[in-house]
Amino acid sequence: MRVLMTGGGTAGHVNPALAIANTIKENDPSSEIAFVGTPRGIENKLVPKAGYELYHVDVMGLSRRLTLRNLKAAYLAATSPAKAKKLIKSFNPDIVIGTGGYVSWPVVKAAASMGIPTALHESNAVPGMAVRMLSGAVDRIYLNFEVAGSGISQKEKLLLCGCPLIAAPKNITKTEAREALGIDAETVYVLSYGGSMGAEKVNEAVLHVMKNITGGRAGVYHTHATGAIEKEICFGAFSEMGLDKYENLQLLEYIYDMPTRLAAADIVICRAGAMTVSELSMAGKCAVFIPSPNVTDDQQFKNASVLSAKDAAYVLRENEEMPEKLCDTVEMLISDPGRRWAMEEKIKEFAMPDANKIIYNDILKLIKK
């Protein structure tokens, strides 16, 4: 099987593609898989590290203002399908799969025009521009959220499957995880993080929670990851606020044992990327989402809102009131184990553990057609 994957710009587009590629390799070791991205996206770091060949088709997004950058974007949009078609002819794939980002459009569009089976995966609650533009041309659209299919007219193309994960959550029980971390069964464990690089406003709000809610509190343990960029600032503030004197607070740059910590956690505070939402649903965790305001189309807020509408999670906007609201929310959840349990049960309803398998089996069907 020869598979051409395309998707880029952000990890949220690249990681589902890598998950699909890894699943294909696991089931068919002889398969040939390559990726197509842009010269600028994070795929240039993630794809080679995963061991896959990466080709480039230069394409850019349009901004809302008339700028020289828009003229270049328009030129690339006009010329990129022809370049993509040349690349596709050279690789000769059995199927082309896009996972979002601007680069998906010319590659998948070219493949569809050549009669090659095509599929898209939409990990967010509201389809991105590339998926909306390509929905009429492709053979299949895989969905992480059922609501994402509401704006797509070709319902026969939709397949609700969840978000493919690069590695399935580690099979470790809450009891085993707590034993490994030295946290007793009665302690309420709060886990918070804003991403691998860090998020300034999340860090500030979590320090506020540590100072006013969790720091020095009996029966509570709180771990927070600052991220690489925010490490020095956050560690400095942690010390200045006197939080380093509390043995029940733990500040880290990065969480390397996330499966263990996630399994042990009672309350998780984090961003609301599609893969994060999927992982917490799989783990069945009481979640407080602080969506990034810097994501295109406010996708993280829309992802989290799907869960909050079903009382499966709390969602807080990143604004001036957020630190106090986060304190109130964490206080309520620490004090109300029944509420935490109810949220754990609700969020499990969004879990789709067989996403990788469902997508792989459907790829085989598309190729046979």
Protein backbone atom coordinates (compact mmCIF):
# COMPACT_ATOMS: atom_id res chain seq x y z
CA MET A 1 0.00 0.00 0.00
CA ARG A 2 1.31 3.43 -0.96
CA VAL A 3 -0.14 6.28 1.11
CA LEU A 4 0.39 10.01 0.81
CA MET A 5 -0.51 11.95 3.96
CA THR A 6 -0.95 15.71 3.96
CA GLY A 7 -1.65 18.16 6.76
CA GLY A 8 0.40 20.78 8.51
CA GLY A 9 0.91 24.12 10.10
CA THR A 10 0.11 22.99 13.63
CA ALA A 11 0.60 19.86 15.71
CA GLY A 12 -3.17 19.53 15.78
CA HIS A 13 -3.08 18.77 12.06
CA VAL A 14 0.15 16.78 11.97
CA ASN A 15 -0.33 14.42 14.91
CA PRO A 16 -3.55 12.79 13.63
CA ALA A 17 -1.76 12.21 10.31
CA LEU A 18 1.16 10.59 12.12
CA ALA A 19 -1.27 8.45 14.12
CA ILE A 20 -2.90 7.21 10.91
CA ALA A 21 0.49 6.57 9.28
CA ASN A 22 1.73 4.62 12.32
CA THR A 23 -1.43 2.51 12.36
CA ILE A 24 -0.98 1.65 8.68
CA LYS A 25 2.65 0.68 9.31
CA GLU A 26 1.69 -1.48 12.29
CA ASN A 27 -0.85 -3.39 10.22
CA ASP A 28 1.09 -3.38 6.94
CA PRO A 29 4.85 -3.08 7.55
CA SER A 30 5.55 -3.18 3.80
CA SER A 31 3.49 -0.05 3.15
CA GLU A 32 5.17 3.05 1.70
CA ILE A 33 4.08 6.28 3.40
CA ALA A 34 5.15 9.85 2.72
CA PHE A 35 3.93 13.26 3.86
CA VAL A 36 3.33 16.56 2.09
CA GLY A 37 3.60 19.79 4.08
CA THR A 38 4.66 23.40 3.65
CA PRO A 39 8.26 24.60 4.09
CA ARG A 40 7.29 26.53 7.23
CA GLY A 41 5.03 24.32 9.36
CA ILE A 42 5.77 22.22 12.43
CA GLU A 43 5.55 19.15 10.21
CA ASN A 44 9.17 19.86 9.26
CA LYS A 45 10.12 18.89 12.81
CA LEU A 46 7.56 16.19 13.64
CA VAL A 47 7.42 14.16 10.43
CA PRO A 48 11.17 13.48 9.93
CA LYS A 49 11.48 12.70 13.63
CA ALA A 50 8.80 10.04 13.17
CA GLY A 51 10.82 8.53 10.32
CA TYR A 52 8.71 9.52 7.31
CA GLU A 53 9.71 11.26 4.08
CA LEU A 54 8.40 14.82 3.81
CA TYR A 55 7.75 16.64 0.56
CA HIS A 56 6.77 20.29 0.20
CA VAL A 57 4.06 22.19 -1.62
CA ASP A 58 4.19 25.89 -0.82
CA VAL A 59 0.81 27.37 0.11
CA MET A 60 -0.28 30.10 2.52
CA GLY A 61 -3.48 31.22 4.19
CA LEU A 62 -5.24 34.42 3.23
CA SER A 63 -5.59 37.24 5.76
CA ARG A 64 -8.65 39.47 5.93
CA ARG A 65 -6.75 42.57 4.87
CA LEU A 66 -5.42 43.42 1.42
CA THR A 67 -1.66 42.97 1.79
CA LEU A 68 1.33 41.89 -0.26
CA ARG A 69 1.21 38.63 1.68
CA ASN A 70 -2.28 38.04 0.32
CA LEU A 71 -1.03 38.51 -3.24
CA LYS A 72 1.59 35.84 -2.62
CA ALA A 73 -1.02 33.58 -0.99
CA ALA A 74 -3.30 33.98 -4.02
CA TYR A 75 -0.45 33.14 -6.39
CA LEU A 76 0.46 30.02 -4.39
CA ALA A 77 -3.18 28.95 -4.25
CA ALA A 78 -3.37 29.16 -8.03
CA THR A 79 -0.12 27.32 -8.73
CA SER A 80 0.01 24.78 -5.88
CA PRO A 81 -2.46 22.22 -7.34
CA ALA A 82 -0.28 21.77 -10.45
CA LYS A 83 2.80 21.29 -8.26
CA ALA A 84 0.88 18.85 -6.08
CA LYS A 85 -0.24 16.87 -9.11
CA LYS A 86 3.36 16.50 -10.28
CA LEU A 87 4.39 15.24 -6.85
CA ILE A 88 1.47 12.80 -6.74
CA LYS A 89 2.37 11.37 -10.14
CA SER A 90 5.90 10.79 -8.91
CA PHE A 91 4.87 9.02 -5.69
CA ASN A 92 1.93 7.15 -7.28
CA PRO A 93 -0.17 6.65 -4.11
CA ASP A 94 -3.07 4.23 -3.66
CA ILE A 95 -4.78 6.81 -1.46
CA VAL A 96 -4.25 10.41 -0.32
CA ILE A 97 -5.36 11.44 3.17
CA GLY A 98 -5.57 15.01 4.47
CA THR A 99 -5.83 16.06 8.09
CA GLY A 100 -6.27 19.81 7.74
CA GLY A 101 -4.17 22.90 7.26
CA TYR A 102 -3.74 24.92 4.07
CA VAL A 103 -1.53 22.32 2.42
CA SER A 104 -4.31 19.73 2.45
CA TRP A 105 -6.31 21.67 -0.13
CA PRO A 106 -4.03 21.53 -3.21
CA VAL A 107 -2.80 17.99 -2.51
CA VAL A 108 -6.18 16.38 -1.89
CA LYS A 109 -7.81 18.44 -4.66
CA ALA A 110 -5.20 17.28 -7.16
CA ALA A 111 -5.50 13.64 -6.09
CA ALA A 112 -9.29 13.69 -6.40
CA SER A 113 -9.05 15.18 -9.90
CA MET A 114 -6.72 12.31 -10.83
CA GLY A 115 -9.21 9.67 -9.71
CA ILE A 116 -7.16 8.60 -6.71
CA PRO A 117 -9.13 7.64 -3.55
CA THR A 118 -9.10 10.51 -1.07
CA ALA A 119 -10.07 11.00 2.57
CA LEU A 120 -10.03 13.80 5.13
CA HIS A 121 -9.95 13.74 8.91
CA GLU A 122 -11.54 16.62 10.81
CA SER A 123 -10.49 16.60 14.45
CA ASN A 124 -12.32 19.77 15.49
CA ALA A 125 -15.97 20.38 16.31
CA VAL A 126 -16.30 22.82 13.40
CA PRO A 127 -14.68 21.88 10.06
CA GLY A 128 -11.77 24.03 8.93
CA MET A 129 -11.62 25.80 5.58
CA ALA A 130 -9.68 23.03 3.82
CA VAL A 131 -12.25 20.40 4.81
CA ARG A 132 -15.16 22.63 3.84
CA MET A 133 -13.63 23.36 0.43
CA LEU A 134 -12.81 19.72 -0.26
CA SER A 135 -15.94 18.02 1.09
CA GLY A 136 -17.50 17.71 -2.34
CA ALA A 137 -14.41 16.20 -3.96
CA VAL A 138 -13.26 13.52 -1.50
CA ASP A 139 -14.50 9.97 -0.98
CA ARG A 140 -14.60 10.00 2.82
CA ILE A 141 -14.58 12.48 5.73
CA TYR A 142 -13.63 11.10 9.15
CA LEU A 143 -15.06 13.03 12.10
CA ASN A 144 -13.92 13.36 15.69
CA PHE A 145 -17.10 15.23 16.74
CA GLU A 146 -20.50 14.27 15.36
CA VAL A 147 -21.54 17.94 15.26
CA ALA A 148 -18.78 18.64 12.71
CA GLY A 149 -20.85 16.91 10.05
CA SER A 150 -23.82 19.24 10.41
CA GLY A 151 -22.53 21.68 7.81
CA ILE A 152 -21.53 19.03 5.25
CA SER A 153 -24.28 18.11 2.80
CA GLN A 154 -22.80 14.82 1.59
CA LYS A 155 -23.80 12.78 4.65
CA GLU A 156 -22.94 9.49 2.94
CA LYS A 157 -19.27 10.48 3.02
CA LEU A 158 -19.16 11.00 6.79
CA LEU A 159 -17.74 8.47 9.22
CA LEU A 160 -17.74 9.26 12.94
CA CYS A 161 -14.66 7.58 14.34
CA GLY A 162 -12.97 9.86 16.88
CA CYS A 163 -9.44 11.24 16.83
CA PRO A 164 -6.59 8.84 16.01
CA LEU A 165 -3.90 8.95 18.68
CA ILE A 166 -0.18 8.42 18.12
CA ALA A 167 -0.02 6.12 21.12
CA ALA A 168 -2.96 4.69 22.99
CA PRO A 169 -3.21 5.90 26.59
CA LYS A 170 -1.03 3.77 28.83
CA ASN A 171 -2.99 0.93 30.39
CA ILE A 172 -2.45 1.87 34.01
CA THR A 173 -5.06 2.02 36.73
CA LYS A 174 -5.63 5.04 38.97
CA THR A 175 -4.45 3.02 41.96
CA GLU A 176 -1.25 1.94 40.20
CA ALA A 177 -0.57 5.49 39.01
CA ARG A 178 -0.99 6.93 42.49
CA GLU A 179 1.28 4.30 43.99
CA ALA A 180 3.94 5.18 41.40
CA LEU A 181 3.63 8.90 42.25
CA GLY A 182 3.37 8.44 46.01
CA ILE A 183 -0.14 9.94 46.20
CA ASP A 184 -2.57 8.24 48.57
CA ALA A 185 -6.07 7.23 47.54
CA GLU A 186 -7.86 9.95 49.57
CA THR A 187 -5.86 12.90 48.20
CA VAL A 188 -7.48 15.07 45.51
CA TYR A 189 -4.87 15.30 42.74
CA VAL A 190 -5.01 18.42 40.54
CA LEU A 191 -3.01 18.31 37.28
CA SER A 192 -2.59 21.44 35.15
CA TYR A 193 -0.63 22.39 32.03
CA GLY A 194 -0.83 24.78 29.11
CA GLY A 195 1.12 22.89 26.45
CA SER A 196 4.73 21.92 25.80
CA MET A 197 5.84 25.53 25.18
CA GLY A 198 3.62 27.00 27.89
CA ALA A 199 0.81 29.54 28.04
CA GLU A 200 1.36 32.79 29.95
CA LYS A 201 -2.25 33.35 31.02
CA VAL A 202 -2.76 29.74 32.04
CA ASN A 203 0.41 29.86 34.15
CA GLU A 204 -0.70 33.09 35.84
CA ALA A 205 -4.15 31.70 36.61
CA VAL A 206 -2.80 28.41 37.95
CA LEU A 207 -0.37 30.22 40.26
CA HIS A 208 -3.37 32.18 41.51
CA VAL A 209 -5.13 28.87 42.23
CA MET A 210 -2.05 27.53 44.00
CA LYS A 211 -1.85 30.65 46.17
CA ASN A 212 -5.53 30.82 47.09
CA ILE A 213 -6.91 27.28 46.82
CA THR A 214 -4.45 24.39 46.69
CA GLY A 215 -1.22 25.59 48.34
CA GLY A 216 -0.79 24.08 51.80
CA ARG A 217 -4.26 22.54 51.72
CA ALA A 218 -4.61 19.21 53.49
CA GLY A 219 -5.80 16.36 51.27
CA VAL A 220 -4.81 18.08 48.01
CA TYR A 221 -1.76 17.67 45.75
CA HIS A 222 -1.23 19.91 42.72
CA THR A 223 1.21 19.47 39.82
CA HIS A 224 1.62 22.16 37.16
CA ALA A 225 3.79 22.17 34.01
CA THR A 226 4.96 25.63 32.94
CA GLY A 227 6.16 24.86 29.42
CA ALA A 228 9.58 25.70 28.01
CA ILE A 229 9.13 29.36 27.08
CA GLU A 230 7.43 30.34 30.34
CA LYS A 231 9.65 28.26 32.63
CA GLU A 232 11.91 30.97 34.11
CA ILE A 233 9.12 33.51 34.57
CA CYS A 234 6.78 31.01 36.17
CA PHE A 235 9.37 29.47 38.47
CA GLY A 236 10.40 32.97 39.55
CA ALA A 237 6.82 33.97 40.35
CA PHE A 238 6.30 30.66 42.16
CA SER A 239 9.17 31.50 44.53
CA GLU A 240 8.24 35.18 44.93
CA MET A 241 4.72 34.17 45.96
CA GLY A 242 6.15 31.84 48.59
CA LEU A 243 4.59 28.80 46.97
CA ASP A 244 7.83 26.82 47.07
CA LYS A 245 7.33 26.31 50.82
CA TYR A 246 4.30 24.07 50.25
CA GLU A 247 5.12 20.37 49.93
CA ASN A 248 1.81 19.65 48.20
CA LEU A 249 2.70 21.84 45.19
CA GLN A 250 4.89 20.62 42.36
CA LEU A 251 6.11 22.85 39.52
CA LEU A 252 7.65 21.23 36.43
CA GLU A 253 8.77 22.48 33.04
CA TYR A 254 7.35 19.49 31.20
CA ILE A 255 5.44 16.35 32.16
CA TYR A 256 7.35 13.37 30.78
CA ASP A 257 5.16 10.75 32.47
CA MET A 258 1.81 12.14 31.31
CA PRO A 259 -0.02 8.76 31.04
CA THR A 260 0.77 8.04 34.69
CA ARG A 261 -0.15 11.53 35.91
CA LEU A 262 -3.31 11.60 33.83
CA ALA A 263 -4.40 8.24 35.23
CA ALA A 264 -3.81 9.50 38.77
CA ALA A 265 -5.54 12.88 38.37
CA ASP A 266 -8.91 13.87 39.83
CA ILE A 267 -9.06 17.31 38.19
CA VAL A 268 -7.28 18.34 34.97
CA ILE A 269 -6.83 21.96 33.87
CA CYS A 270 -5.58 22.44 30.30
CA ARG A 271 -6.12 23.80 26.79
CA ALA A 272 -8.78 22.29 24.49
CA GLY A 273 -7.01 21.07 21.37
CA ALA A 274 -8.84 18.22 19.63
CA MET A 275 -6.32 15.56 20.66
CA THR A 276 -6.27 16.78 24.26
CA VAL A 277 -10.07 16.63 24.42
CA SER A 278 -9.98 13.11 22.95
CA GLU A 279 -7.32 11.94 25.41
CA LEU A 280 -9.23 13.26 28.42
CA SER A 281 -12.43 11.64 27.13
CA MET A 282 -10.61 8.34 26.80
CA ALA A 283 -9.18 8.71 30.30
CA GLY A 284 -12.53 9.77 31.76
CA LYS A 285 -11.27 12.86 33.57
CA CYS A 286 -12.97 15.77 35.26
CA ALA A 287 -11.71 18.60 33.03
CA VAL A 288 -11.54 22.38 33.19
CA PHE A 289 -10.67 23.69 29.73
CA ILE A 290 -9.08 27.08 29.07
CA PRO A 291 -9.19 27.28 25.25
CA SER A 292 -6.43 29.16 23.47
CA PRO A 293 -7.78 32.43 22.02
CA ASN A 294 -5.07 32.37 19.34
CA VAL A 295 -6.38 29.42 17.32
CA THR A 296 -8.02 29.91 13.91
CA ASP A 297 -11.84 30.12 14.03
CA ASP A 298 -11.74 29.79 17.84
CA GLN A 299 -11.63 26.01 17.34
CA GLN A 300 -10.53 25.14 20.87
CA PHE A 301 -13.48 26.95 22.43
CA LYS A 302 -15.84 25.20 20.02
CA ASN A 303 -14.30 21.81 20.87
CA ALA A 304 -14.68 22.37 24.60
CA SER A 305 -18.18 23.80 24.23
CA VAL A 306 -19.44 20.52 22.78
CA LEU A 307 -18.50 18.84 26.07
CA SER A 308 -19.64 21.66 28.35
CA ALA A 309 -23.07 21.64 26.69
CA LYS A 310 -23.46 18.06 27.98
CA ASP A 311 -22.10 18.91 31.46
CA ALA A 312 -19.00 16.86 30.64
CA ALA A 313 -16.47 19.66 31.29
CA TYR A 314 -16.08 23.27 32.39
CA VAL A 315 -14.90 25.91 29.92
CA LEU A 316 -13.35 29.22 30.97
CA ARG A 317 -12.53 32.03 28.56
CA GLU A 318 -9.03 33.50 28.81
CA ASN A 319 -9.80 36.99 30.13
CA GLU A 320 -9.34 39.18 33.21
CA GLU A 321 -11.98 37.30 35.22
CA MET A 322 -10.54 33.87 34.40
CA PRO A 323 -8.12 33.50 37.38
CA GLU A 324 -10.92 34.11 39.90
CA LYS A 325 -13.35 31.91 37.99
CA LEU A 326 -10.72 29.17 37.89
CA CYS A 327 -10.27 29.45 41.66
CA ASP A 328 -14.03 29.15 42.19
CA THR A 329 -14.27 26.17 39.85
CA VAL A 330 -11.36 24.29 41.40
CA GLU A 331 -12.68 24.99 44.92
CA MET A 332 -16.07 23.61 43.95
CA LEU A 333 -14.61 20.48 42.35
CA ILE A 334 -12.27 19.75 45.26
CA SER A 335 -15.17 20.06 47.68
CA ASP A 336 -17.69 18.06 45.62
CA PRO A 337 -16.50 14.50 44.74
CA GLY A 338 -19.99 13.69 43.47
CA ARG A 339 -19.72 16.42 40.86
CA ARG A 340 -16.31 15.13 39.77
CA TRP A 341 -17.66 11.61 39.40
CA ALA A 342 -20.63 12.83 37.33
CA MET A 343 -18.30 14.71 34.98
CA GLU A 344 -16.04 11.68 34.62
CA GLU A 345 -19.00 9.59 33.53
CA LYS A 346 -20.25 12.28 31.13
CA ILE A 347 -16.92 12.84 29.39
CA LYS A 348 -16.51 9.09 28.81
CA GLU A 349 -19.52 9.28 26.49
CA PHE A 350 -17.33 11.22 24.03
CA ALA A 351 -14.57 8.58 24.03
CA MET A 352 -14.00 6.60 20.83
CA PRO A 353 -11.13 4.21 21.57
CA ASP A 354 -11.17 2.45 18.18
CA ALA A 355 -10.48 5.49 15.98
CA ASN A 356 -7.18 4.17 14.62
CA LYS A 357 -8.67 0.77 13.78
CA ILE A 358 -11.83 2.20 12.22
CA ILE A 359 -9.86 4.52 9.95
CA TYR A 360 -7.42 1.80 8.88
CA ASN A 361 -10.20 -0.62 7.95
CA ASP A 362 -12.01 2.08 5.99
CA ILE A 363 -8.82 3.00 4.12
CA LEU A 364 -8.64 -0.59 2.90
CA LYS A 365 -12.25 -0.35 1.66
CA LEU A 366 -11.59 2.91 -0.17
CA ILE A 367 -8.55 1.47 -1.93
CA LYS A 368 -10.47 -1.66 -3.01
CA LYS A 369 -13.21 0.50 -4.49
